[in-house]
Each structure stands twice: as structure tokens, then as C-alpha cells.
């Protein structure tokens, strides 16, 4: 169980680092910063995420779930404000970063668990 959590954390940090290399307007200083940023992202998502998702439920429902991407972008931008060495310039970078991060994280974790 613990190894599963650690592998997911390492893969999420790798995904964040890769996304920061791909998306203009997203900068991350190092892989160590990515490790810290993934913890901050998780904490922001666990604390503020449920509140935002509850408040935004009607618009999320009307947009068939697409507004969830906007919420994830806001949470990612908020996490970058609390993490030294991790910066997102503008909402568009956060929106694109949230989308690509979700895809890359999904692919890396499925690939890793399929090979283990």
C-alpha cells in the first residue's frame, strides 16, 4: 500500500515536471520542486477542492463536466502560489497545464502499474 502511494507520488511529480517543460508559462525549478509541488497540489485539492466543486456543481452539470477543468486550473494556479520554484503565468497556462497534467499523469500511472 505504501509503495503504491510512493510510486504514484513520484510519477505525479514526473508528470508535473514534464508538463512544465511542455507548456509555455509553466516553470518548475527542478524535480525536487516538482515533488514538493505535488504534495502542495494534493493538499490544496483535499482542502479547497471539495468546496469549489460543491459551489460550482450547477455550472459543472450544465457543461457536462467540462467546468471541472477550470476548477482544476484554479487549484493548480493556487498551488503554484504556495510552492517556491513553481510558477504559472496566467490562467491559460494553468488551464492547458491542468488538461495536459491530467492526461500525462493518467498515462504514466497506467503504464507503470501495467508493467509492475
PDB file of N, CA and C in Angstrom:
ATOM      1  N   UNK A   1       0.828  -1.196   0.000  1.00  0.00           N
ATOM      2  CA  UNK A   1       0.000   0.000   0.000  1.00  0.00           C
ATOM      3  C   UNK A   1       0.871   1.259   0.000  1.00  0.00           C
ATOM      4  N   UNK A   2       1.868   1.283   0.866  1.00  0.00           N
ATOM      5  CA  UNK A   2       2.755   2.442   0.935  1.00  0.00           C
ATOM      6  C   UNK A   2       3.562   2.589  -0.354  1.00  0.00           C
ATOM      7  N   UNK A   3       4.000   1.462  -0.915  1.00  0.00           N
ATOM      8  CA  UNK A   3       4.773   1.532  -2.155  1.00  0.00           C
ATOM      9  C   UNK A   3       3.910   2.076  -3.295  1.00  0.00           C
ATOM     10  N   UNK A   4       2.645   1.728  -3.297  1.00  0.00           N
ATOM     11  CA  UNK A   4       1.714   2.233  -4.306  1.00  0.00           C
ATOM     12  C   UNK A   4       1.609   3.764  -4.201  1.00  0.00           C
ATOM     13  N   UNK A   5       1.490   4.258  -2.992  1.00  0.00           N
ATOM     14  CA  UNK A   5       1.383   5.703  -2.763  1.00  0.00           C
ATOM     15  C   UNK A   5       2.674   6.415  -3.198  1.00  0.00           C
ATOM     16  N   UNK A   6       3.816   5.842  -2.847  1.00  0.00           N
ATOM     17  CA  UNK A   6       5.096   6.470  -3.182  1.00  0.00           C
ATOM     18  C   UNK A   6       5.318   6.481  -4.694  1.00  0.00           C
ATOM     19  N   UNK A   7       5.012   5.367  -5.366  1.00  0.00           N
ATOM     20  CA  UNK A   7       5.173   5.315  -6.821  1.00  0.00           C
ATOM     21  C   UNK A   7       4.260   6.330  -7.489  1.00  0.00           C
ATOM     22  N   UNK A   8       3.013   6.433  -7.039  1.00  0.00           N
ATOM     23  CA  UNK A   8       2.093   7.426  -7.607  1.00  0.00           C
ATOM     24  C   UNK A   8       2.598   8.841  -7.389  1.00  0.00           C
ATOM     25  N   UNK A   9       3.160   9.111  -6.228  1.00  0.00           N
ATOM     26  CA  UNK A   9       3.714  10.433  -5.927  1.00  0.00           C
ATOM     27  C   UNK A   9       4.883  10.759  -6.865  1.00  0.00           C
ATOM     28  N   UNK A  10       5.788   9.799  -7.025  1.00  0.00           N
ATOM     29  CA  UNK A  10       6.940  10.006  -7.901  1.00  0.00           C
ATOM     30  C   UNK A  10       6.502  10.203  -9.357  1.00  0.00           C
ATOM     31  N   UNK A  11       5.520   9.422  -9.786  1.00  0.00           N
ATOM     32  CA  UNK A  11       5.029   9.554 -11.156  1.00  0.00           C
ATOM     33  C   UNK A  11       4.275  10.872 -11.362  1.00  0.00           C
ATOM     34  N   UNK A  12       3.527  11.300 -10.361  1.00  0.00           N
ATOM     35  CA  UNK A  12       2.831  12.584 -10.461  1.00  0.00           C
ATOM     36  C   UNK A  12       3.825  13.730 -10.545  1.00  0.00           C
ATOM     37  N   UNK A  13       4.897  13.631  -9.777  1.00  0.00           N
ATOM     38  CA  UNK A  13       5.942  14.662  -9.840  1.00  0.00           C
ATOM     39  C   UNK A  13       6.620  14.662 -11.201  1.00  0.00           C
ATOM     40  N   UNK A  14       6.867  13.484 -11.736  1.00  0.00           N
ATOM     41  CA  UNK A  14       7.452  13.389 -13.077  1.00  0.00           C
ATOM     42  C   UNK A  14       6.509  13.995 -14.111  1.00  0.00           C
ATOM     43  N   UNK A  15       5.231  13.701 -13.987  1.00  0.00           N
ATOM     44  CA  UNK A  15       4.243  14.265 -14.913  1.00  0.00           C
ATOM     45  C   UNK A  15       4.230  15.785 -14.816  1.00  0.00           C
ATOM     46  N   UNK A  16       4.257  16.323 -13.610  1.00  0.00           N
ATOM     47  CA  UNK A  16       4.263  17.774 -13.425  1.00  0.00           C
ATOM     48  C   UNK A  16       5.515  18.382 -14.040  1.00  0.00           C
ATOM     49  N   UNK A  17       6.650  17.748 -13.824  1.00  0.00           N
ATOM     50  CA  UNK A  17       7.901  18.262 -14.382  1.00  0.00           C
ATOM     51  C   UNK A  17       7.854  18.244 -15.911  1.00  0.00           C
ATOM     52  N   UNK A  18       7.339  17.142 -16.491  1.00  0.00           N
ATOM     53  CA  UNK A  18       7.231  17.053 -17.951  1.00  0.00           C
ATOM     54  C   UNK A  18       6.287  18.111 -18.511  1.00  0.00           C
ATOM     55  N   UNK A  19       5.159  18.308 -17.844  1.00  0.00           N
ATOM     56  CA  UNK A  19       4.186  19.297 -18.306  1.00  0.00           C
ATOM     57  C   UNK A  19       4.783  20.699 -18.250  1.00  0.00           C
ATOM     58  N   UNK A  20       5.542  20.974 -17.212  1.00  0.00           N
ATOM     59  CA  UNK A  20       6.181  22.293 -17.098  1.00  0.00           C
ATOM     60  C   UNK A  20       7.189  22.516 -18.228  1.00  0.00           C
ATOM     61  N   UNK A  21       7.785  21.434 -18.737  1.00  0.00           N
ATOM     62  CA  UNK A  21       8.708  21.562 -19.868  1.00  0.00           C
ATOM     63  C   UNK A  21       7.949  21.815 -21.169  1.00  0.00           C
ATOM     64  N   UNK A  22       6.707  21.336 -21.250  1.00  0.00           N
ATOM     65  CA  UNK A  22       5.930  21.421 -22.487  1.00  0.00           C
ATOM     66  C   UNK A  22       5.094  22.689 -22.610  1.00  0.00           C
ATOM     67  N   UNK A  23       4.548  23.158 -21.506  1.00  0.00           N
ATOM     68  CA  UNK A  23       3.574  24.252 -21.536  1.00  0.00           C
ATOM     69  C   UNK A  23       4.287  25.586 -21.336  1.00  0.00           C
ATOM     70  N   UNK A  24       4.185  26.500 -22.297  1.00  0.00           N
ATOM     71  CA  UNK A  24       4.740  27.834 -22.091  1.00  0.00           C
ATOM     72  C   UNK A  24       3.965  28.537 -20.977  1.00  0.00           C
ATOM     73  N   UNK A  25       4.685  29.180 -20.100  1.00  0.00           N
ATOM     74  CA  UNK A  25       4.043  29.865 -18.986  1.00  0.00           C
ATOM     75  C   UNK A  25       4.051  29.058 -17.705  1.00  0.00           C
ATOM     76  N   UNK A  26       4.508  27.818 -17.762  1.00  0.00           N
ATOM     77  CA  UNK A  26       4.670  26.984 -16.564  1.00  0.00           C
ATOM     78  C   UNK A  26       6.155  26.743 -16.358  1.00  0.00           C
ATOM     79  N   UNK A  27       6.633  27.082 -15.191  1.00  0.00           N
ATOM     80  CA  UNK A  27       8.042  26.845 -14.887  1.00  0.00           C
ATOM     81  C   UNK A  27       8.160  26.099 -13.563  1.00  0.00           C
ATOM     82  N   UNK A  28       9.055  25.142 -13.557  1.00  0.00           N
ATOM     83  CA  UNK A  28       9.370  24.425 -12.324  1.00  0.00           C
ATOM     84  C   UNK A  28      10.882  24.295 -12.257  1.00  0.00           C
ATOM     85  N   UNK A  29      11.435  24.612 -11.119  1.00  0.00           N
ATOM     86  CA  UNK A  29      12.891  24.718 -10.985  1.00  0.00           C
ATOM     87  C   UNK A  29      13.590  23.368 -11.143  1.00  0.00           C
ATOM     88  N   UNK A  30      13.078  22.316 -10.505  1.00  0.00           N
ATOM     89  CA  UNK A  30      13.756  21.026 -10.534  1.00  0.00           C
ATOM     90  C   UNK A  30      12.760  19.910 -10.221  1.00  0.00           C
ATOM     91  N   UNK A  31      13.242  18.692 -10.300  1.00  0.00           N
ATOM     92  CA  UNK A  31      12.379  17.562  -9.961  1.00  0.00           C
ATOM     93  C   UNK A  31      12.036  17.587  -8.470  1.00  0.00           C
ATOM     94  N   UNK A  32      12.965  18.055  -7.643  1.00  0.00           N
ATOM     95  CA  UNK A  32      12.694  18.196  -6.212  1.00  0.00           C
ATOM     96  C   UNK A  32      11.556  19.180  -5.956  1.00  0.00           C
ATOM     97  N   UNK A  33      11.549  20.258  -6.723  1.00  0.00           N
ATOM     98  CA  UNK A  33      10.449  21.216  -6.631  1.00  0.00           C
ATOM     99  C   UNK A  33       9.148  20.565  -7.077  1.00  0.00           C
ATOM    100  N   UNK A  34       9.227  19.719  -8.097  1.00  0.00           N
ATOM    101  CA  UNK A  34       8.030  19.004  -8.568  1.00  0.00           C
ATOM    102  C   UNK A  34       7.501  18.063  -7.483  1.00  0.00           C
ATOM    103  N   UNK A  35       8.399  17.423  -6.747  1.00  0.00           N
ATOM    104  CA  UNK A  35       7.969  16.554  -5.644  1.00  0.00           C
ATOM    105  C   UNK A  35       7.212  17.357  -4.589  1.00  0.00           C
ATOM    106  N   UNK A  36       7.766  18.514  -4.223  1.00  0.00           N
ATOM    107  CA  UNK A  36       7.100  19.373  -3.249  1.00  0.00           C
ATOM    108  C   UNK A  36       5.778  19.900  -3.805  1.00  0.00           C
ATOM    109  N   UNK A  37       5.786  20.300  -5.063  1.00  0.00           N
ATOM    110  CA  UNK A  37       4.576  20.858  -5.676  1.00  0.00           C
ATOM    111  C   UNK A  37       3.445  19.835  -5.726  1.00  0.00           C
ATOM    112  N   UNK A  38       3.770  18.562  -5.943  1.00  0.00           N
ATOM    113  CA  UNK A  38       2.709  17.553  -5.975  1.00  0.00           C
ATOM    114  C   UNK A  38       2.061  17.389  -4.608  1.00  0.00           C
ATOM    115  N   UNK A  39       2.840  17.537  -3.563  1.00  0.00           N
ATOM    116  CA  UNK A  39       2.278  17.479  -2.209  1.00  0.00           C
ATOM    117  C   UNK A  39       1.366  18.686  -1.978  1.00  0.00           C
ATOM    118  N   UNK A  40       1.825  19.863  -2.387  1.00  0.00           N
ATOM    119  CA  UNK A  40       1.013  21.078  -2.230  1.00  0.00           C
ATOM    120  C   UNK A  40      -0.263  20.985  -3.066  1.00  0.00           C
ATOM    121  N   UNK A  41      -0.150  20.477  -4.293  1.00  0.00           N
ATOM    122  CA  UNK A  41      -1.333  20.305  -5.141  1.00  0.00           C
ATOM    123  C   UNK A  41      -2.332  19.377  -4.460  1.00  0.00           C
ATOM    124  N   UNK A  42      -1.836  18.283  -3.893  1.00  0.00           N
ATOM    125  CA  UNK A  42      -2.721  17.340  -3.208  1.00  0.00           C
ATOM    126  C   UNK A  42      -3.401  17.993  -2.003  1.00  0.00           C
ATOM    127  N   UNK A  43      -2.650  18.772  -1.228  1.00  0.00           N
ATOM    128  CA  UNK A  43      -3.226  19.446  -0.053  1.00  0.00           C
ATOM    129  C   UNK A  43      -4.272  20.479  -0.463  1.00  0.00           C
ATOM    130  N   UNK A  44      -3.983  21.242  -1.495  1.00  0.00           N
ATOM    131  CA  UNK A  44      -4.947  22.235  -1.988  1.00  0.00           C
ATOM    132  C   UNK A  44      -6.198  21.526  -2.507  1.00  0.00           C
ATOM    133  N   UNK A  45      -5.997  20.426  -3.226  1.00  0.00           N
ATOM    134  CA  UNK A  45      -7.136  19.678  -3.762  1.00  0.00           C
ATOM    135  C   UNK A  45      -7.975  19.049  -2.645  1.00  0.00           C
ATOM    136  N   UNK A  46      -7.326  18.605  -1.587  1.00  0.00           N
ATOM    137  CA  UNK A  46      -8.063  17.991  -0.479  1.00  0.00           C
ATOM    138  C   UNK A  46      -8.801  19.009   0.389  1.00  0.00           C
ATOM    139  N   UNK A  47      -8.277  20.221   0.487  1.00  0.00           N
ATOM    140  CA  UNK A  47      -8.889  21.208   1.376  1.00  0.00           C
ATOM    141  C   UNK A  47      -9.859  22.138   0.653  1.00  0.00           C
ATOM    142  N   UNK A  48      -9.407  22.756  -0.408  1.00  0.00           N
ATOM    143  CA  UNK A  48     -10.214  23.756  -1.102  1.00  0.00           C
ATOM    144  C   UNK A  48     -11.017  23.144  -2.255  1.00  0.00           C
ATOM    145  N   UNK A  49     -10.496  22.071  -2.836  1.00  0.00           N
ATOM    146  CA  UNK A  49     -11.139  21.427  -3.965  1.00  0.00           C
ATOM    147  C   UNK A  49     -12.598  21.044  -3.735  1.00  0.00           C
ATOM    148  N   UNK A  50     -12.923  20.349  -2.638  1.00  0.00           N
ATOM    149  CA  UNK A  50     -14.327  19.972  -2.427  1.00  0.00           C
ATOM    150  C   UNK A  50     -15.266  21.170  -2.312  1.00  0.00           C
ATOM    151  N   UNK A  51     -14.800  22.237  -1.724  1.00  0.00           N
ATOM    152  CA  UNK A  51     -15.626  23.438  -1.578  1.00  0.00           C
ATOM    153  C   UNK A  51     -15.914  24.039  -2.957  1.00  0.00           C
ATOM    154  N   UNK A  52     -14.861  24.190  -3.771  1.00  0.00           N
ATOM    155  CA  UNK A  52     -15.049  24.740  -5.115  1.00  0.00           C
ATOM    156  C   UNK A  52     -15.936  23.843  -5.972  1.00  0.00           C
ATOM    157  N   UNK A  53     -15.726  22.531  -5.883  1.00  0.00           N
ATOM    158  CA  UNK A  53     -16.547  21.610  -6.677  1.00  0.00           C
ATOM    159  C   UNK A  53     -18.013  21.659  -6.248  1.00  0.00           C
ATOM    160  N   UNK A  54     -18.271  21.815  -4.957  1.00  0.00           N
ATOM    161  CA  UNK A  54     -19.645  21.906  -4.460  1.00  0.00           C
ATOM    162  C   UNK A  54     -20.319  23.189  -4.953  1.00  0.00           C
ATOM    163  N   UNK A  55     -19.607  24.299  -4.826  1.00  0.00           N
ATOM    164  CA  UNK A  55     -20.155  25.589  -5.253  1.00  0.00           C
ATOM    165  C   UNK A  55     -20.388  25.606  -6.767  1.00  0.00           C
ATOM    166  N   UNK A  56     -19.477  24.990  -7.513  1.00  0.00           N
ATOM    167  CA  UNK A  56     -19.555  25.031  -8.974  1.00  0.00           C
ATOM    168  C   UNK A  56     -20.366  23.878  -9.562  1.00  0.00           C
ATOM    169  N   UNK A  57     -20.992  23.070  -8.728  1.00  0.00           N
ATOM    170  CA  UNK A  57     -21.717  21.911  -9.253  1.00  0.00           C
ATOM    171  C   UNK A  57     -22.746  22.262 -10.324  1.00  0.00           C
ATOM    172  N   UNK A  58     -23.564  23.307 -10.133  1.00  0.00           N
ATOM    173  CA  UNK A  58     -24.559  23.601 -11.176  1.00  0.00           C
ATOM    174  C   UNK A  58     -23.936  23.886 -12.544  1.00  0.00           C
ATOM    175  N   UNK A  59     -22.888  24.699 -12.587  1.00  0.00           N
ATOM    176  CA  UNK A  59     -22.266  25.009 -13.879  1.00  0.00           C
ATOM    177  C   UNK A  59     -21.506  23.796 -14.416  1.00  0.00           C
ATOM    178  N   UNK A  60     -20.939  22.991 -13.515  1.00  0.00           N
ATOM    179  CA  UNK A  60     -20.273  21.764 -13.952  1.00  0.00           C
ATOM    180  C   UNK A  60     -21.291  20.815 -14.579  1.00  0.00           C
ATOM    181  N   UNK A  61     -22.451  20.733 -13.983  1.00  0.00           N
ATOM    182  CA  UNK A  61     -23.528  19.887 -14.516  1.00  0.00           C
ATOM    183  C   UNK A  61     -23.978  20.389 -15.888  1.00  0.00           C
ATOM    184  N   UNK A  62     -24.157  21.700 -16.008  1.00  0.00           N
ATOM    185  CA  UNK A  62     -24.610  22.280 -17.274  1.00  0.00           C
ATOM    186  C   UNK A  62     -23.590  22.121 -18.395  1.00  0.00           C
ATOM    187  N   UNK A  63     -22.318  22.114 -18.047  1.00  0.00           N
ATOM    188  CA  UNK A  63     -21.269  21.984 -19.066  1.00  0.00           C
ATOM    189  C   UNK A  63     -20.821  20.533 -19.244  1.00  0.00           C
ATOM    190  N   UNK A  64     -21.599  19.616 -18.685  1.00  0.00           N
ATOM    191  CA  UNK A  64     -21.311  18.174 -18.780  1.00  0.00           C
ATOM    192  C   UNK A  64     -19.928  17.823 -18.233  1.00  0.00           C
ATOM    193  N   UNK A  65     -19.531  18.510 -17.189  1.00  0.00           N
ATOM    194  CA  UNK A  65     -18.277  18.218 -16.507  1.00  0.00           C
ATOM    195  C   UNK A  65     -17.080  19.009 -16.980  1.00  0.00           C
ATOM    196  N   UNK A  66     -17.211  19.761 -18.063  1.00  0.00           N
ATOM    197  CA  UNK A  66     -16.062  20.496 -18.589  1.00  0.00           C
ATOM    198  C   UNK A  66     -15.587  21.603 -17.647  1.00  0.00           C
ATOM    199  N   UNK A  67     -16.490  22.136 -16.840  1.00  0.00           N
ATOM    200  CA  UNK A  67     -16.075  23.197 -15.914  1.00  0.00           C
ATOM    201  C   UNK A  67     -15.123  22.660 -14.847  1.00  0.00           C
ATOM    202  N   UNK A  68     -15.116  21.359 -14.674  1.00  0.00           N
ATOM    203  CA  UNK A  68     -14.191  20.740 -13.716  1.00  0.00           C
ATOM    204  C   UNK A  68     -12.746  21.052 -14.092  1.00  0.00           C
ATOM    205  N   UNK A  69     -12.482  21.173 -15.386  1.00  0.00           N
ATOM    206  CA  UNK A  69     -11.152  21.542 -15.855  1.00  0.00           C
ATOM    207  C   UNK A  69     -10.774  22.946 -15.392  1.00  0.00           C
ATOM    208  N   UNK A  70     -11.730  23.864 -15.387  1.00  0.00           N
ATOM    209  CA  UNK A  70     -11.493  25.223 -14.901  1.00  0.00           C
ATOM    210  C   UNK A  70     -11.171  25.188 -13.406  1.00  0.00           C
ATOM    211  N   UNK A  71     -11.898  24.372 -12.667  1.00  0.00           N
ATOM    212  CA  UNK A  71     -11.634  24.247 -11.225  1.00  0.00           C
ATOM    213  C   UNK A  71     -10.238  23.682 -10.999  1.00  0.00           C
ATOM    214  N   UNK A  72      -9.872  22.660 -11.761  1.00  0.00           N
ATOM    215  CA  UNK A  72      -8.529  22.086 -11.626  1.00  0.00           C
ATOM    216  C   UNK A  72      -7.452  23.102 -11.973  1.00  0.00           C
ATOM    217  N   UNK A  73      -7.711  23.951 -12.964  1.00  0.00           N
ATOM    218  CA  UNK A  73      -6.750  25.004 -13.317  1.00  0.00           C
ATOM    219  C   UNK A  73      -6.598  26.002 -12.175  1.00  0.00           C
ATOM    220  N   UNK A  74      -7.711  26.377 -11.559  1.00  0.00           N
ATOM    221  CA  UNK A  74      -7.646  27.297 -10.407  1.00  0.00           C
ATOM    222  C   UNK A  74      -6.866  26.680  -9.251  1.00  0.00           C
ATOM    223  N   UNK A  75      -7.106  25.408  -8.988  1.00  0.00           N
ATOM    224  CA  UNK A  75      -6.397  24.730  -7.905  1.00  0.00           C
ATOM    225  C   UNK A  75      -4.905  24.606  -8.214  1.00  0.00           C
ATOM    226  N   UNK A  76      -4.570  24.342  -9.468  1.00  0.00           N
ATOM    227  CA  UNK A  76      -3.166  24.258  -9.868  1.00  0.00           C
ATOM    228  C   UNK A  76      -2.481  25.610  -9.724  1.00  0.00           C
ATOM    229  N   UNK A  77      -3.153  26.663 -10.163  1.00  0.00           N
ATOM    230  CA  UNK A  77      -2.607  28.021 -10.024  1.00  0.00           C
ATOM    231  C   UNK A  77      -2.428  28.384  -8.557  1.00  0.00           C
ATOM    232  N   UNK A  78      -3.413  28.033  -7.735  1.00  0.00           N
ATOM    233  CA  UNK A  78      -3.317  28.305  -6.295  1.00  0.00           C
ATOM    234  C   UNK A  78      -2.147  27.549  -5.665  1.00  0.00           C
ATOM    235  N   UNK A  79      -1.960  26.298  -6.053  1.00  0.00           N
ATOM    236  CA  UNK A  79      -0.837  25.518  -5.525  1.00  0.00           C
ATOM    237  C   UNK A  79       0.500  26.133  -5.931  1.00  0.00           C
ATOM    238  N   UNK A  80       0.557  26.707  -7.129  1.00  0.00           N
ATOM    239  CA  UNK A  80       1.811  27.322  -7.568  1.00  0.00           C
ATOM    240  C   UNK A  80       2.153  28.558  -6.735  1.00  0.00           C
ATOM    241  N   UNK A  81       1.143  29.218  -6.193  1.00  0.00           N
ATOM    242  CA  UNK A  81       1.393  30.390  -5.347  1.00  0.00           C
ATOM    243  C   UNK A  81       2.036  30.011  -4.015  1.00  0.00           C
ATOM    244  N   UNK A  82       1.808  28.777  -3.572  1.00  0.00           N
ATOM    245  CA  UNK A  82       2.337  28.318  -2.287  1.00  0.00           C
ATOM    246  C   UNK A  82       3.627  27.524  -2.417  1.00  0.00           C
ATOM    247  N   UNK A  83       4.092  27.287  -3.639  1.00  0.00           N
ATOM    248  CA  UNK A  83       5.275  26.451  -3.843  1.00  0.00           C
ATOM    249  C   UNK A  83       6.410  27.271  -4.436  1.00  0.00           C
ATOM    250  N   UNK A  84       7.481  27.477  -3.666  1.00  0.00           N
ATOM    251  CA  UNK A  84       8.627  28.198  -4.224  1.00  0.00           C
ATOM    252  C   UNK A  84       9.266  27.383  -5.351  1.00  0.00           C
ATOM    253  N   UNK A  85       9.598  28.050  -6.445  1.00  0.00           N
ATOM    254  CA  UNK A  85      10.219  27.382  -7.579  1.00  0.00           C
ATOM    255  C   UNK A  85       9.222  26.838  -8.589  1.00  0.00           C
ATOM    256  N   UNK A  86       7.929  27.040  -8.334  1.00  0.00           N
ATOM    257  CA  UNK A  86       6.881  26.585  -9.245  1.00  0.00           C
ATOM    258  C   UNK A  86       6.027  27.791  -9.576  1.00  0.00           C
ATOM    259  N   UNK A  87       5.979  28.135 -10.875  1.00  0.00           N
ATOM    260  CA  UNK A  87       5.254  29.339 -11.278  1.00  0.00           C
ATOM    261  C   UNK A  87       4.407  29.065 -12.506  1.00  0.00           C
ATOM    262  N   UNK A  88       3.218  29.623 -12.496  1.00  0.00           N
ATOM    263  CA  UNK A  88       2.329  29.554 -13.653  1.00  0.00           C
ATOM    264  C   UNK A  88       1.949  30.984 -14.004  1.00  0.00           C
ATOM    265  N   UNK A  89       2.258  31.380 -15.223  1.00  0.00           N
ATOM    266  CA  UNK A  89       1.964  32.734 -15.691  1.00  0.00           C
ATOM    267  C   UNK A  89       0.640  32.743 -16.442  1.00  0.00           C
ATOM    268  N   UNK A  90      -0.406  33.196 -15.777  1.00  0.00           N
ATOM    269  CA  UNK A  90      -1.689  33.360 -16.442  1.00  0.00           C
ATOM    270  C   UNK A  90      -2.608  32.160 -16.336  1.00  0.00           C
ATOM    271  N   UNK A  91      -3.873  32.429 -16.559  1.00  0.00           N
ATOM    272  CA  UNK A  91      -4.887  31.388 -16.427  1.00  0.00           C
ATOM    273  C   UNK A  91      -4.857  30.403 -17.591  1.00  0.00           C
ATOM    274  N   UNK A  92      -4.531  30.871 -18.782  1.00  0.00           N
ATOM    275  CA  UNK A  92      -4.486  29.980 -19.935  1.00  0.00           C
ATOM    276  C   UNK A  92      -3.428  28.894 -19.750  1.00  0.00           C
ATOM    277  N   UNK A  93      -2.274  29.271 -19.219  1.00  0.00           N
ATOM    278  CA  UNK A  93      -1.226  28.284 -18.940  1.00  0.00           C
ATOM    279  C   UNK A  93      -1.704  27.295 -17.885  1.00  0.00           C
ATOM    280  N   UNK A  94      -2.428  27.787 -16.884  1.00  0.00           N
ATOM    281  CA  UNK A  94      -2.958  26.898 -15.850  1.00  0.00           C
ATOM    282  C   UNK A  94      -3.998  25.949 -16.430  1.00  0.00           C
ATOM    283  N   UNK A  95      -4.850  26.454 -17.308  1.00  0.00           N
ATOM    284  CA  UNK A  95      -5.892  25.628 -17.917  1.00  0.00           C
ATOM    285  C   UNK A  95      -5.276  24.542 -18.804  1.00  0.00           C
ATOM    286  N   UNK A  96      -4.367  24.940 -19.659  1.00  0.00           N
ATOM    287  CA  UNK A  96      -3.692  23.977 -20.518  1.00  0.00           C
ATOM    288  C   UNK A  96      -2.846  23.009 -19.684  1.00  0.00           C
ATOM    289  N   UNK A  97      -2.193  23.544 -18.669  1.00  0.00           N
ATOM    290  CA  UNK A  97      -1.389  22.706 -17.782  1.00  0.00           C
ATOM    291  C   UNK A  97      -2.225  21.671 -17.050  1.00  0.00           C
ATOM    292  N   UNK A  98      -3.399  22.066 -16.573  1.00  0.00           N
ATOM    293  CA  UNK A  98      -4.279  21.127 -15.869  1.00  0.00           C
ATOM    294  C   UNK A  98      -4.737  20.014 -16.804  1.00  0.00           C
ATOM    295  N   UNK A  99      -5.057  20.366 -18.029  1.00  0.00           N
ATOM    296  CA  UNK A  99      -5.508  19.363 -19.002  1.00  0.00           C
ATOM    297  C   UNK A  99      -4.385  18.383 -19.338  1.00  0.00           C
ATOM    298  N   UNK A 100      -3.225  18.915 -19.687  1.00  0.00           N
ATOM    299  CA  UNK A 100      -2.098  18.062 -20.070  1.00  0.00           C
ATOM    300  C   UNK A 100      -1.602  17.265 -18.866  1.00  0.00           C
ATOM    301  N   UNK A 101      -1.608  17.866 -17.690  1.00  0.00           N
ATOM    302  CA  UNK A 101      -1.176  17.166 -16.480  1.00  0.00           C
ATOM    303  C   UNK A 101      -2.072  15.963 -16.192  1.00  0.00           C
ATOM    304  N   UNK A 102      -3.363  16.124 -16.335  1.00  0.00           N
ATOM    305  CA  UNK A 102      -4.284  15.007 -16.107  1.00  0.00           C
ATOM    306  C   UNK A 102      -3.996  13.872 -17.084  1.00  0.00           C
ATOM    307  N   UNK A 103      -3.769  14.203 -18.338  1.00  0.00           N
ATOM    308  CA  UNK A 103      -3.511  13.179 -19.354  1.00  0.00           C
ATOM    309  C   UNK A 103      -2.177  12.473 -19.107  1.00  0.00           C
ATOM    310  N   UNK A 104      -1.122  13.253 -18.865  1.00  0.00           N
ATOM    311  CA  UNK A 104       0.206  12.675 -18.667  1.00  0.00           C
ATOM    312  C   UNK A 104       0.246  11.834 -17.385  1.00  0.00           C
ATOM    313  N   UNK A 105      -0.363  12.316 -16.315  1.00  0.00           N
ATOM    314  CA  UNK A 105      -0.400  11.546 -15.067  1.00  0.00           C
ATOM    315  C   UNK A 105      -1.117  10.220 -15.284  1.00  0.00           C
ATOM    316  N   UNK A 106      -2.256  10.274 -15.963  1.00  0.00           N
ATOM    317  CA  UNK A 106      -3.026   9.058 -16.249  1.00  0.00           C
ATOM    318  C   UNK A 106      -2.177   8.057 -17.046  1.00  0.00           C
ATOM    319  N   UNK A 107      -1.527   8.541 -18.087  1.00  0.00           N
ATOM    320  CA  UNK A 107      -0.717   7.655 -18.932  1.00  0.00           C
ATOM    321  C   UNK A 107       0.456   7.058 -18.169  1.00  0.00           C
ATOM    322  N   UNK A 108       1.180   7.881 -17.427  1.00  0.00           N
ATOM    323  CA  UNK A 108       2.339   7.382 -16.673  1.00  0.00           C
ATOM    324  C   UNK A 108       1.931   6.365 -15.621  1.00  0.00           C
ATOM    325  N   UNK A 109       0.868   6.633 -14.884  1.00  0.00           N
ATOM    326  CA  UNK A 109       0.453   5.707 -13.834  1.00  0.00           C
ATOM    327  C   UNK A 109      -0.076   4.403 -14.422  1.00  0.00           C
ATOM    328  N   UNK A 110      -0.822   4.471 -15.504  1.00  0.00           N
ATOM    329  CA  UNK A 110      -1.294   3.231 -16.117  1.00  0.00           C
ATOM    330  C   UNK A 110      -0.144   2.422 -16.706  1.00  0.00           C
ATOM    331  N   UNK A 111       0.807   3.095 -17.313  1.00  0.00           N
ATOM    332  CA  UNK A 111       1.967   2.412 -17.861  1.00  0.00           C
ATOM    333  C   UNK A 111       2.788   1.749 -16.749  1.00  0.00           C
ATOM    334  N   UNK A 112       2.998   2.474 -15.664  1.00  0.00           N
ATOM    335  CA  UNK A 112       3.800   1.936 -14.559  1.00  0.00           C
ATOM    336  C   UNK A 112       3.124   0.743 -13.916  1.00  0.00           C
ATOM    337  N   UNK A 113       1.825   0.823 -13.656  1.00  0.00           N
ATOM    338  CA  UNK A 113       1.151  -0.283 -12.964  1.00  0.00           C
ATOM    339  C   UNK A 113       0.904  -1.460 -13.899  1.00  0.00           C
ATOM    340  N   UNK A 114       0.898  -1.222 -15.202  1.00  0.00           N
ATOM    341  CA  UNK A 114       0.753  -2.326 -16.143  1.00  0.00           C
ATOM    342  C   UNK A 114       2.045  -3.132 -16.228  1.00  0.00           C
ATOM    343  N   UNK A 115       3.177  -2.471 -15.985  1.00  0.00           N
ATOM    344  CA  UNK A 115       4.473  -3.163 -16.089  1.00  0.00           C
ATOM    345  C   UNK A 115       4.901  -3.774 -14.760  1.00  0.00           C
ATOM    346  N   UNK A 116       4.315  -3.360 -13.670  1.00  0.00           N
ATOM    347  CA  UNK A 116       4.731  -3.917 -12.356  1.00  0.00           C
ATOM    348  C   UNK A 116       3.968  -5.158 -12.003  1.00  0.00           C
TER     349      UNK A 116
END
